[in-house]
C-alpha atoms as a PDB file:
ATOM      1  CA  UNK A   1     -86.848  19.907  52.790  1.00  0.00           C
ATOM      2  CA  UNK A   2     -85.284  23.051  54.250  1.00  0.00           C
ATOM      3  CA  UNK A   3     -83.464  21.227  57.046  1.00  0.00           C
ATOM      4  CA  UNK A   4     -82.068  18.677  54.596  1.00  0.00           C
ATOM      5  CA  UNK A   5     -80.840  21.429  52.277  1.00  0.00           C
ATOM      6  CA  UNK A   6     -79.122  23.390  55.041  1.00  0.00           C
ATOM      7  CA  UNK A   7     -77.488  20.305  56.474  1.00  0.00           C
ATOM      8  CA  UNK A   8     -76.324  19.209  53.024  1.00  0.00           C
ATOM      9  CA  UNK A   9     -74.811  22.600  52.192  1.00  0.00           C
ATOM     10  CA  UNK A  10     -72.925  22.809  55.461  1.00  0.00           C
ATOM     11  CA  UNK A  11     -71.588  19.278  55.148  1.00  0.00           C
ATOM     12  CA  UNK A  12     -70.607  19.830  51.528  1.00  0.00           C
ATOM     13  CA  UNK A  13     -68.597  22.863  52.589  1.00  0.00           C
ATOM     14  CA  UNK A  14     -66.824  20.746  55.184  1.00  0.00           C
ATOM     15  CA  UNK A  15     -66.179  17.763  52.943  1.00  0.00           C
ATOM     16  CA  UNK A  16     -62.640  18.805  52.130  1.00  0.00           C
ATOM     17  CA  UNK A  17     -61.927  18.780  55.854  1.00  0.00           C
ATOM     18  CA  UNK A  18     -62.825  15.123  56.296  1.00  0.00           C
ATOM     19  CA  UNK A  19     -59.219  14.331  57.090  1.00  0.00           C
ATOM     20  CA  UNK A  20     -59.192  16.334  60.294  1.00  0.00           C
ATOM     21  CA  UNK A  21     -57.011  19.373  60.858  1.00  0.00           C
ATOM     22  CA  UNK A  22     -56.086  20.947  64.176  1.00  0.00           C
ATOM     23  CA  UNK A  23     -56.626  24.386  65.594  1.00  0.00           C
ATOM     24  CA  UNK A  24     -52.949  25.298  65.835  1.00  0.00           C
ATOM     25  CA  UNK A  25     -51.759  27.185  62.774  1.00  0.00           C
ATOM     26  CA  UNK A  26     -48.333  26.469  61.222  1.00  0.00           C
ATOM     27  CA  UNK A  27     -45.610  28.983  62.067  1.00  0.00           C
ATOM     28  CA  UNK A  28     -45.749  30.341  58.515  1.00  0.00           C
ATOM     29  CA  UNK A  29     -49.437  31.233  59.013  1.00  0.00           C
ATOM     30  CA  UNK A  30     -49.346  32.413  62.610  1.00  0.00           C
ATOM     31  CA  UNK A  31     -49.616  36.212  63.044  1.00  0.00           C
ATOM     32  CA  UNK A  32     -47.537  36.110  66.244  1.00  0.00           C
ATOM     33  CA  UNK A  33     -45.454  33.468  67.982  1.00  0.00           C
ATOM     34  CA  UNK A  34     -46.252  33.114  71.687  1.00  0.00           C
ATOM     35  CA  UNK A  35     -42.829  31.970  72.857  1.00  0.00           C
ATOM     36  CA  UNK A  36     -43.812  31.998  76.544  1.00  0.00           C
ATOM     37  CA  UNK A  37     -47.326  30.556  76.273  1.00  0.00           C
ATOM     38  CA  UNK A  38     -49.054  28.229  73.842  1.00  0.00           C
ATOM     39  CA  UNK A  39     -46.056  27.997  71.486  1.00  0.00           C
ATOM     40  CA  UNK A  40     -43.395  27.618  74.184  1.00  0.00           C
ATOM     41  CA  UNK A  41     -43.224  23.788  73.846  1.00  0.00           C
ATOM     42  CA  UNK A  42     -42.885  24.133  70.067  1.00  0.00           C
ATOM     43  CA  UNK A  43     -40.045  26.637  70.367  1.00  0.00           C
ATOM     44  CA  UNK A  44     -38.327  24.347  72.910  1.00  0.00           C
ATOM     45  CA  UNK A  45     -38.607  21.390  70.507  1.00  0.00           C
ATOM     46  CA  UNK A  46     -37.215  23.447  67.619  1.00  0.00           C
ATOM     47  CA  UNK A  47     -34.306  24.671  69.729  1.00  0.00           C
ATOM     48  CA  UNK A  48     -33.513  21.115  70.851  1.00  0.00           C
ATOM     49  CA  UNK A  49     -33.586  19.749  67.286  1.00  0.00           C
ATOM     50  CA  UNK A  50     -31.499  22.691  66.067  1.00  0.00           C
ATOM     51  CA  UNK A  51     -28.855  22.020  68.737  1.00  0.00           C
ATOM     52  CA  UNK A  52     -28.730  18.355  67.740  1.00  0.00           C
ATOM     53  CA  UNK A  53     -28.315  19.308  64.094  1.00  0.00           C
ATOM     54  CA  UNK A  54     -25.518  21.712  65.046  1.00  0.00           C
ATOM     55  CA  UNK A  55     -23.664  18.905  66.846  1.00  0.00           C
ATOM     56  CA  UNK A  56     -23.892  16.631  63.814  1.00  0.00           C
ATOM     57  CA  UNK A  57     -22.812  19.230  61.247  1.00  0.00           C
ATOM     58  CA  UNK A  58     -20.002  20.659  63.373  1.00  0.00           C
ATOM     59  CA  UNK A  59     -18.394  17.217  63.609  1.00  0.00           C
ATOM     60  CA  UNK A  60     -18.564  16.855  59.829  1.00  0.00           C
ATOM     61  CA  UNK A  61     -17.792  20.370  58.555  1.00  0.00           C
ATOM     62  CA  UNK A  62     -17.252  23.150  61.138  1.00  0.00           C
ATOM     63  CA  UNK A  63     -16.722  25.802  58.452  1.00  0.00           C
ATOM     64  CA  UNK A  64     -20.066  25.145  56.770  1.00  0.00           C
ATOM     65  CA  UNK A  65     -21.779  25.132  60.167  1.00  0.00           C
ATOM     66  CA  UNK A  66     -20.293  28.548  60.991  1.00  0.00           C
ATOM     67  CA  UNK A  67     -21.429  29.922  57.626  1.00  0.00           C
ATOM     68  CA  UNK A  68     -24.919  28.568  58.200  1.00  0.00           C
ATOM     69  CA  UNK A  69     -25.096  30.144  61.654  1.00  0.00           C
ATOM     70  CA  UNK A  70     -23.906  33.486  60.298  1.00  0.00           C
ATOM     71  CA  UNK A  71     -26.445  33.496  57.456  1.00  0.00           C
ATOM     72  CA  UNK A  72     -29.183  32.399  59.824  1.00  0.00           C
ATOM     73  CA  UNK A  73     -28.345  35.157  62.294  1.00  0.00           C
ATOM     74  CA  UNK A  74     -28.365  37.803  59.575  1.00  0.00           C
ATOM     75  CA  UNK A  75     -31.650  36.474  58.240  1.00  0.00           C
ATOM     76  CA  UNK A  76     -33.251  36.541  61.696  1.00  0.00           C
ATOM     77  CA  UNK A  77     -32.018  40.104  62.246  1.00  0.00           C
ATOM     78  CA  UNK A  78     -33.514  41.093  58.924  1.00  0.00           C
ATOM     79  CA  UNK A  79     -36.818  39.381  59.772  1.00  0.00           C
ATOM     80  CA  UNK A  80     -36.970  41.141  63.148  1.00  0.00           C
ATOM     81  CA  UNK A  81     -36.324  44.510  61.501  1.00  0.00           C
ATOM     82  CA  UNK A  82     -37.145  44.682  57.761  1.00  0.00           C
ATOM     83  CA  UNK A  83     -35.485  48.098  57.656  1.00  0.00           C
ATOM     84  CA  UNK A  84     -32.150  46.668  58.810  1.00  0.00           C
ATOM     85  CA  UNK A  85     -30.296  47.213  55.540  1.00  0.00           C
ATOM     86  CA  UNK A  86     -26.930  46.563  57.164  1.00  0.00           C
ATOM     87  CA  UNK A  87     -27.751  42.961  58.069  1.00  0.00           C
ATOM     88  CA  UNK A  88     -29.251  42.358  54.641  1.00  0.00           C
ATOM     89  CA  UNK A  89     -26.148  43.648  52.848  1.00  0.00           C
ATOM     90  CA  UNK A  90     -23.860  41.501  55.009  1.00  0.00           C
ATOM     91  CA  UNK A  91     -26.014  38.457  54.361  1.00  0.00           C
ATOM     92  CA  UNK A  92     -26.029  39.131  50.614  1.00  0.00           C
ATOM     93  CA  UNK A  93     -22.239  39.565  50.482  1.00  0.00           C
ATOM     94  CA  UNK A  94     -21.681  36.416  52.536  1.00  0.00           C
ATOM     95  CA  UNK A  95     -23.899  34.424  50.171  1.00  0.00           C
ATOM     96  CA  UNK A  96     -22.186  35.918  47.104  1.00  0.00           C
ATOM     97  CA  UNK A  97     -18.726  34.899  48.370  1.00  0.00           C
ATOM     98  CA  UNK A  98     -19.637  31.280  49.088  1.00  0.00           C
ATOM     99  CA  UNK A  99     -17.789  28.609  47.152  1.00  0.00           C
ATOM    100  CA  UNK A 100     -19.834  25.918  45.354  1.00  0.00           C
ATOM    101  CA  UNK A 101     -18.902  23.421  48.078  1.00  0.00           C
ATOM    102  CA  UNK A 102     -19.934  25.771  50.882  1.00  0.00           C
ATOM    103  CA  UNK A 103     -23.126  26.760  49.051  1.00  0.00           C
ATOM    104  CA  UNK A 104     -24.179  23.134  48.758  1.00  0.00           C
ATOM    105  CA  UNK A 105     -23.390  22.493  52.418  1.00  0.00           C
ATOM    106  CA  UNK A 106     -25.263  25.548  53.691  1.00  0.00           C
ATOM    107  CA  UNK A 107     -28.300  24.798  51.531  1.00  0.00           C
ATOM    108  CA  UNK A 108     -28.415  21.229  52.853  1.00  0.00           C
ATOM    109  CA  UNK A 109     -28.380  22.457  56.448  1.00  0.00           C
ATOM    110  CA  UNK A 110     -31.132  25.004  55.814  1.00  0.00           C
ATOM    111  CA  UNK A 111     -33.278  22.365  54.091  1.00  0.00           C
ATOM    112  CA  UNK A 112     -32.774  19.865  56.897  1.00  0.00           C
ATOM    113  CA  UNK A 113     -33.417  22.498  59.576  1.00  0.00           C
ATOM    114  CA  UNK A 114     -36.689  23.562  57.939  1.00  0.00           C
ATOM    115  CA  UNK A 115     -37.834  19.951  57.631  1.00  0.00           C
ATOM    116  CA  UNK A 116     -37.117  19.456  61.334  1.00  0.00           C
ATOM    117  CA  UNK A 117     -39.197  22.559  62.089  1.00  0.00           C
ATOM    118  CA  UNK A 118     -42.016  21.032  60.046  1.00  0.00           C
ATOM    119  CA  UNK A 119     -41.748  17.784  62.016  1.00  0.00           C
ATOM    120  CA  UNK A 120     -41.905  19.738  65.281  1.00  0.00           C
ATOM    121  CA  UNK A 121     -44.960  21.660  64.029  1.00  0.00           C
ATOM    122  CA  UNK A 122     -46.762  18.423  63.152  1.00  0.00           C
ATOM    123  CA  UNK A 123     -46.325  17.201  66.711  1.00  0.00           C
ATOM    124  CA  UNK A 124     -47.203  20.605  68.212  1.00  0.00           C
ATOM    125  CA  UNK A 125     -50.499  20.861  66.333  1.00  0.00           C
ATOM    126  CA  UNK A 126     -51.482  17.445  67.678  1.00  0.00           C
ATOM    127  CA  UNK A 127     -50.377  18.484  71.166  1.00  0.00           C
ATOM    128  CA  UNK A 128     -52.439  21.690  71.111  1.00  0.00           C
ATOM    129  CA  UNK A 129     -55.487  19.869  69.775  1.00  0.00           C
ATOM    130  CA  UNK A 130     -55.265  17.207  72.486  1.00  0.00           C
ATOM    131  CA  UNK A 131     -54.782  19.794  75.245  1.00  0.00           C
ATOM    132  CA  UNK A 132     -57.810  21.748  74.026  1.00  0.00           C
ATOM    133  CA  UNK A 133     -59.949  18.622  73.948  1.00  0.00           C
ATOM    134  CA  UNK A 134     -58.874  17.621  77.466  1.00  0.00           C
ATOM    135  CA  UNK A 135     -59.676  21.123  78.716  1.00  0.00           C
ATOM    136  CA  UNK A 136     -63.147  20.975  77.160  1.00  0.00           C
ATOM    137  CA  UNK A 137     -63.765  17.562  78.659  1.00  0.00           C
ATOM    138  CA  UNK A 138     -62.880  18.817  82.131  1.00  0.00           C
ATOM    139  CA  UNK A 139     -65.310  21.687  81.699  1.00  0.00           C
ATOM    140  CA  UNK A 140     -68.153  19.232  81.122  1.00  0.00           C
ATOM    141  CA  UNK A 141     -68.500  19.372  77.343  1.00  0.00           C
ATOM    142  CA  UNK A 142     -71.657  17.412  76.493  1.00  0.00           C
ATOM    143  CA  UNK A 143     -70.416  16.358  73.063  1.00  0.00           C
ATOM    144  CA  UNK A 144     -66.873  15.191  73.688  1.00  0.00           C
ATOM    145  CA  UNK A 145     -65.802  12.984  70.806  1.00  0.00           C
ATOM    146  CA  UNK A 146     -62.643  11.686  69.168  1.00  0.00           C
ATOM    147  CA  UNK A 147     -62.607  14.292  66.368  1.00  0.00           C
ATOM    148  CA  UNK A 148     -61.342  17.841  67.014  1.00  0.00           C
ATOM    149  CA  UNK A 149     -63.973  20.465  67.743  1.00  0.00           C
ATOM    150  CA  UNK A 150     -62.823  23.112  65.251  1.00  0.00           C
ATOM    151  CA  UNK A 151     -64.929  25.077  62.812  1.00  0.00           C
ATOM    152  CA  UNK A 152     -63.646  23.494  59.600  1.00  0.00           C
ATOM    153  CA  UNK A 153     -63.975  19.888  60.794  1.00  0.00           C
ATOM    154  CA  UNK A 154     -66.785  17.358  60.508  1.00  0.00           C
ATOM    155  CA  UNK A 155     -67.414  17.479  64.258  1.00  0.00           C
ATOM    156  CA  UNK A 156     -67.447  21.276  64.318  1.00  0.00           C
ATOM    157  CA  UNK A 157     -69.829  21.385  61.347  1.00  0.00           C
ATOM    158  CA  UNK A 158     -72.202  18.813  62.839  1.00  0.00           C
ATOM    159  CA  UNK A 159     -72.377  20.584  66.177  1.00  0.00           C
ATOM    160  CA  UNK A 160     -72.804  23.991  64.528  1.00  0.00           C
ATOM    161  CA  UNK A 161     -75.773  22.711  62.470  1.00  0.00           C
ATOM    162  CA  UNK A 162     -77.424  21.197  65.534  1.00  0.00           C
ATOM    163  CA  UNK A 163     -76.834  24.262  67.717  1.00  0.00           C
ATOM    164  CA  UNK A 164     -78.135  26.670  65.062  1.00  0.00           C
ATOM    165  CA  UNK A 165     -81.185  24.511  64.399  1.00  0.00           C
ATOM    166  CA  UNK A 166     -80.521  24.403  60.656  1.00  0.00           C
ATOM    167  CA  UNK A 167     -80.883  20.636  60.590  1.00  0.00           C
ATOM    168  CA  UNK A 168     -81.801  17.796  62.932  1.00  0.00           C
ATOM    169  CA  UNK A 169     -79.630  14.820  63.827  1.00  0.00           C
ATOM    170  CA  UNK A 170     -81.347  12.449  61.389  1.00  0.00           C
ATOM    171  CA  UNK A 171     -80.992  14.855  58.439  1.00  0.00           C
ATOM    172  CA  UNK A 172     -77.327  15.480  59.204  1.00  0.00           C
ATOM    173  CA  UNK A 173     -76.659  11.748  59.536  1.00  0.00           C
ATOM    174  CA  UNK A 174     -78.376  11.006  56.219  1.00  0.00           C
ATOM    175  CA  UNK A 175     -76.324  13.622  54.370  1.00  0.00           C
ATOM    176  CA  UNK A 176     -73.114  12.589  56.099  1.00  0.00           C
ATOM    177  CA  UNK A 177     -73.566   9.015  54.897  1.00  0.00           C
ATOM    178  CA  UNK A 178     -73.743  10.310  51.299  1.00  0.00           C
ATOM    179  CA  UNK A 179     -70.570  12.418  51.464  1.00  0.00           C
ATOM    180  CA  UNK A 180     -67.662  11.440  49.202  1.00  0.00           C
ATOM    181  CA  UNK A 181     -64.108  12.781  49.235  1.00  0.00           C
ATOM    182  CA  UNK A 182     -61.703  11.549  46.568  1.00  0.00           C
ATOM    183  CA  UNK A 183     -57.979  11.697  47.302  1.00  0.00           C
ATOM    184  CA  UNK A 184     -55.847  11.595  44.152  1.00  0.00           C
ATOM    185  CA  UNK A 185     -52.220  10.471  44.376  1.00  0.00           C
ATOM    186  CA  UNK A 186     -50.548  12.649  41.788  1.00  0.00           C
ATOM    187  CA  UNK A 187     -47.622  15.006  41.168  1.00  0.00           C
ATOM    188  CA  UNK A 188     -46.774  17.510  43.895  1.00  0.00           C
ATOM    189  CA  UNK A 189     -43.958  19.993  43.195  1.00  0.00           C
ATOM    190  CA  UNK A 190     -42.803  20.207  46.823  1.00  0.00           C
ATOM    191  CA  UNK A 191     -42.439  16.466  47.396  1.00  0.00           C
ATOM    192  CA  UNK A 192     -39.061  15.285  46.193  1.00  0.00           C
ATOM    193  CA  UNK A 193     -37.849  13.602  49.379  1.00  0.00           C
ATOM    194  CA  UNK A 194     -37.185   9.892  49.229  1.00  0.00           C
ATOM    195  CA  UNK A 195     -39.603   7.642  51.079  1.00  0.00           C
ATOM    196  CA  UNK A 196     -36.942   6.567  53.588  1.00  0.00           C
ATOM    197  CA  UNK A 197     -36.439  10.196  54.600  1.00  0.00           C
ATOM    198  CA  UNK A 198     -40.180  10.809  54.879  1.00  0.00           C
ATOM    199  CA  UNK A 199     -40.321   7.942  57.367  1.00  0.00           C
ATOM    200  CA  UNK A 200     -37.435   9.406  59.351  1.00  0.00           C
ATOM    201  CA  UNK A 201     -39.115  12.815  59.633  1.00  0.00           C
ATOM    202  CA  UNK A 202     -42.317  11.110  60.736  1.00  0.00           C
ATOM    203  CA  UNK A 203     -40.312   9.218  63.361  1.00  0.00           C
ATOM    204  CA  UNK A 204     -38.949  12.567  64.602  1.00  0.00           C
ATOM    205  CA  UNK A 205     -42.518  13.794  65.214  1.00  0.00           C
ATOM    206  CA  UNK A 206     -43.441  10.549  66.978  1.00  0.00           C
ATOM    207  CA  UNK A 207     -40.353  10.685  69.206  1.00  0.00           C
ATOM    208  CA  UNK A 208     -41.169  14.254  70.242  1.00  0.00           C
ATOM    209  CA  UNK A 209     -44.508  12.853  71.365  1.00  0.00           C
ATOM    210  CA  UNK A 210     -42.717  10.291  73.533  1.00  0.00           C
ATOM    211  CA  UNK A 211     -40.743  13.074  75.213  1.00  0.00           C
ATOM    212  CA  UNK A 212     -44.014  14.789  76.193  1.00  0.00           C
ATOM    213  CA  UNK A 213     -45.085  11.872  78.377  1.00  0.00           C
ATOM    214  CA  UNK A 214     -45.314  13.003  82.021  1.00  0.00           C
ATOM    215  CA  UNK A 215     -44.497   9.497  83.299  1.00  0.00           C
ATOM    216  CA  UNK A 216     -41.333   9.123  81.216  1.00  0.00           C
ATOM    217  CA  UNK A 217     -38.502   7.386  83.061  1.00  0.00           C
ATOM    218  CA  UNK A 218     -35.086   9.148  82.869  1.00  0.00           C
ATOM    219  CA  UNK A 219     -33.692   6.168  80.965  1.00  0.00           C
ATOM    220  CA  UNK A 220     -36.584   6.306  78.494  1.00  0.00           C
ATOM    221  CA  UNK A 221     -35.987  10.018  78.023  1.00  0.00           C
ATOM    222  CA  UNK A 222     -32.316   9.442  77.218  1.00  0.00           C
ATOM    223  CA  UNK A 223     -33.282   6.690  74.794  1.00  0.00           C
ATOM    224  CA  UNK A 224     -35.690   9.046  73.017  1.00  0.00           C
ATOM    225  CA  UNK A 225     -33.057  11.788  72.815  1.00  0.00           C
ATOM    226  CA  UNK A 226     -30.557   9.282  71.420  1.00  0.00           C
ATOM    227  CA  UNK A 227     -33.140   8.228  68.819  1.00  0.00           C
ATOM    228  CA  UNK A 228     -33.535  11.852  67.711  1.00  0.00           C
ATOM    229  CA  UNK A 229     -29.773  12.294  67.405  1.00  0.00           C
ATOM    230  CA  UNK A 230     -29.492   9.110  65.332  1.00  0.00           C
ATOM    231  CA  UNK A 231     -32.346  10.175  63.056  1.00  0.00           C
ATOM    232  CA  UNK A 232     -30.837  13.608  62.443  1.00  0.00           C
ATOM    233  CA  UNK A 233     -27.397  12.112  61.799  1.00  0.00           C
ATOM    234  CA  UNK A 234     -28.896   9.585  59.371  1.00  0.00           C
ATOM    235  CA  UNK A 235     -30.827  12.279  57.507  1.00  0.00           C
ATOM    236  CA  UNK A 236     -27.763  14.519  57.296  1.00  0.00           C
ATOM    237  CA  UNK A 237     -25.674  11.664  55.957  1.00  0.00           C
ATOM    238  CA  UNK A 238     -28.200  10.758  53.270  1.00  0.00           C
ATOM    239  CA  UNK A 239     -28.716  12.075  49.763  1.00  0.00           C
ATOM    240  CA  UNK A 240     -32.129  13.700  50.139  1.00  0.00           C
ATOM    241  CA  UNK A 241     -33.249  13.786  46.513  1.00  0.00           C
ATOM    242  CA  UNK A 242     -33.288  11.441  43.557  1.00  0.00           C
ATOM    243  CA  UNK A 243     -30.497  11.914  41.014  1.00  0.00           C
ATOM    244  CA  UNK A 244     -32.152  10.075  38.129  1.00  0.00           C
ATOM    245  CA  UNK A 245     -35.556  10.236  36.539  1.00  0.00           C
ATOM    246  CA  UNK A 246     -37.721   7.538  38.144  1.00  0.00           C
ATOM    247  CA  UNK A 247     -39.206   4.673  36.230  1.00  0.00           C
ATOM    248  CA  UNK A 248     -42.986   4.114  36.379  1.00  0.00           C
ATOM    249  CA  UNK A 249     -42.280   1.269  38.797  1.00  0.00           C
ATOM    250  CA  UNK A 250     -40.302   3.610  41.066  1.00  0.00           C
ATOM    251  CA  UNK A 251     -43.078   6.188  40.942  1.00  0.00           C
ATOM    252  CA  UNK A 252     -45.529   3.477  41.955  1.00  0.00           C
ATOM    253  CA  UNK A 253     -43.236   2.547  44.836  1.00  0.00           C
ATOM    254  CA  UNK A 254     -43.260   6.192  45.933  1.00  0.00           C
ATOM    255  CA  UNK A 255     -47.041   6.222  45.897  1.00  0.00           C
ATOM    256  CA  UNK A 256     -47.134   2.977  47.841  1.00  0.00           C
ATOM    257  CA  UNK A 257     -44.850   4.589  50.430  1.00  0.00           C
ATOM    258  CA  UNK A 258     -47.483   7.292  50.999  1.00  0.00           C
ATOM    259  CA  UNK A 259     -50.119   4.607  51.434  1.00  0.00           C
ATOM    260  CA  UNK A 260     -47.959   2.514  53.745  1.00  0.00           C
ATOM    261  CA  UNK A 261     -46.611   5.334  55.908  1.00  0.00           C
ATOM    262  CA  UNK A 262     -49.772   7.475  56.189  1.00  0.00           C
ATOM    263  CA  UNK A 263     -53.017   6.294  54.615  1.00  0.00           C
ATOM    264  CA  UNK A 264     -52.900   2.639  55.670  1.00  0.00           C
ATOM    265  CA  UNK A 265     -53.238   3.616  59.331  1.00  0.00           C
ATOM    266  CA  UNK A 266     -54.812   7.073  59.065  1.00  0.00           C
ATOM    267  CA  UNK A 267     -57.906   6.222  56.997  1.00  0.00           C
ATOM    268  CA  UNK A 268     -59.178   3.304  59.136  1.00  0.00           C
ATOM    269  CA  UNK A 269     -58.370   5.291  62.299  1.00  0.00           C
ATOM    270  CA  UNK A 270     -60.315   8.272  60.964  1.00  0.00           C
ATOM    271  CA  UNK A 271     -63.334   6.140  60.041  1.00  0.00           C
ATOM    272  CA  UNK A 272     -63.365   4.607  63.516  1.00  0.00           C
ATOM    273  CA  UNK A 273     -63.296   8.099  64.999  1.00  0.00           C
ATOM    274  CA  UNK A 274     -66.036   9.259  62.622  1.00  0.00           C
ATOM    275  CA  UNK A 275     -68.169   6.304  63.729  1.00  0.00           C
ATOM    276  CA  UNK A 276     -67.589   7.173  67.389  1.00  0.00           C
ATOM    277  CA  UNK A 277     -68.383  10.832  66.709  1.00  0.00           C
ATOM    278  CA  UNK A 278     -71.647   9.887  65.019  1.00  0.00           C
ATOM    279  CA  UNK A 279     -72.606   7.892  68.101  1.00  0.00           C
ATOM    280  CA  UNK A 280     -71.845  10.847  70.383  1.00  0.00           C
ATOM    281  CA  UNK A 281     -73.250  13.723  68.297  1.00  0.00           C
ATOM    282  CA  UNK A 282     -75.959  12.032  66.218  1.00  0.00           C
ATOM    283  CA  UNK A 283     -76.993   9.108  68.393  1.00  0.00           C
ATOM    284  CA  UNK A 284     -76.296   6.332  65.888  1.00  0.00           C
ATOM    285  CA  UNK A 285     -73.267   4.478  64.482  1.00  0.00           C
ATOM    286  CA  UNK A 286     -71.882   4.904  60.991  1.00  0.00           C
ATOM    287  CA  UNK A 287     -73.171   2.006  58.827  1.00  0.00           C
ATOM    288  CA  UNK A 288     -70.478  -0.507  57.936  1.00  0.00           C
ATOM    289  CA  UNK A 289     -71.052   0.008  54.191  1.00  0.00           C
ATOM    290  CA  UNK A 290     -70.468   3.782  54.381  1.00  0.00           C
ATOM    291  CA  UNK A 291     -67.008   4.880  53.273  1.00  0.00           C
ATOM    292  CA  UNK A 292     -66.764   8.604  52.492  1.00  0.00           C
ATOM    293  CA  UNK A 293     -63.119   8.415  51.369  1.00  0.00           C
ATOM    294  CA  UNK A 294     -62.159   7.161  47.916  1.00  0.00           C
ATOM    295  CA  UNK A 295     -58.809   7.045  46.125  1.00  0.00           C
ATOM    296  CA  UNK A 296     -57.585   7.649  42.598  1.00  0.00           C
ATOM    297  CA  UNK A 297     -54.111   7.817  41.068  1.00  0.00           C
ATOM    298  CA  UNK A 298     -52.212   9.604  38.326  1.00  0.00           C
ATOM    299  CA  UNK A 299     -48.927   7.947  39.306  1.00  0.00           C
ATOM    300  CA  UNK A 300     -46.737   7.151  36.319  1.00  0.00           C
ATOM    301  CA  UNK A 301     -48.443   9.760  34.139  1.00  0.00           C
ATOM    302  CA  UNK A 302     -46.073  12.755  34.238  1.00  0.00           C
ATOM    303  CA  UNK A 303     -42.934  10.862  35.357  1.00  0.00           C
ATOM    304  CA  UNK A 304     -41.624  13.586  37.693  1.00  0.00           C
ATOM    305  CA  UNK A 305     -41.346  11.331  40.735  1.00  0.00           C
ATOM    306  CA  UNK A 306     -43.555  13.425  42.993  1.00  0.00           C
ATOM    307  CA  UNK A 307     -46.450  11.427  44.475  1.00  0.00           C
END
C-alpha cells in the first residue's frame, strides 16, 4: 500500500529522465565556468576546435574571419563587463556597417562555432559523468551500475527510495516494469540542420572522445586531429539548411535519420543498462517483455522539415 504508492510517485516523477542525463550542466546553464578545474578539458577542446575553424575560414575568406574575430572579441568584452558601453557601441557599429556578403559569412562562422561548442559539451558531459562514476567505484560504492548516479535519473531515484525506506526493492521493481515513456518525433523549431551535418557534429564529439584516450599513439592522435580538421572543413563548405520546403517523403527521411543516428543504438543500449542496473540495485533482471520506451510520430503533418 504505502510503500507501493511512494515508489510509484517517485518513479513517475523520474519517468521523463529515462533517457539518462549527466551531472555536468551545459555552459549556458552553468553559474560559473571552472577554467582551471572540472571544465578545463572542455575549454581546451573548444579552443582547439575554434583554432581549427579559424584555419579553415582564413584560407577561404580572411576578411570575414577578421570581422568575426572582432565581433567575437567585442561580445566577450561586453559579456565580461555588462557596463562596458564602449565595446557594445563598437560592436553595434561594426555590425551595422557589414555588407550583405560579410553579414552572411560572419553569421555562418558564428553558427558553426556554436555548434562545435555544443559538440564539445556533449563529449564533456559524458567525460564528467564517467569520471564521477570511476571515482565512486574506487571509493567502494556498493551500488555501482551502468546508469549515472544523479538525482534526476532512474538509478538515482531507485537508490533514493531504497535509502529513505519509502519503498522496498520488490515494490520499486514492480512499478518500474509498468513505467512508459513515449517519445514523439515531431516539429522542433531549433532543428533545421541537414542529417548529413548532424552526423558530422556527432562524429566531432566521438573524435574528441578518441583524443581523451590515455594510451593513444602519437600517430593515432594525429589521425584524430586530421579527422577533426576534415569534418570542420566539410561542414564549413556545406550549405547547412534546406532551401526548399521538404516533401512528406523528405520529412520522413529526416525522421529516419534521427532513428538511424541516435535511437537505433541508444535505446537498446539504454535497456541493456537498465537491465544491468536492476540486477545491481534491485536484485533481479528486467523481464524480456518489459519495454518502457515507446515511439509515436507527427512527421509529415506540419511540413516544416523539423523532426
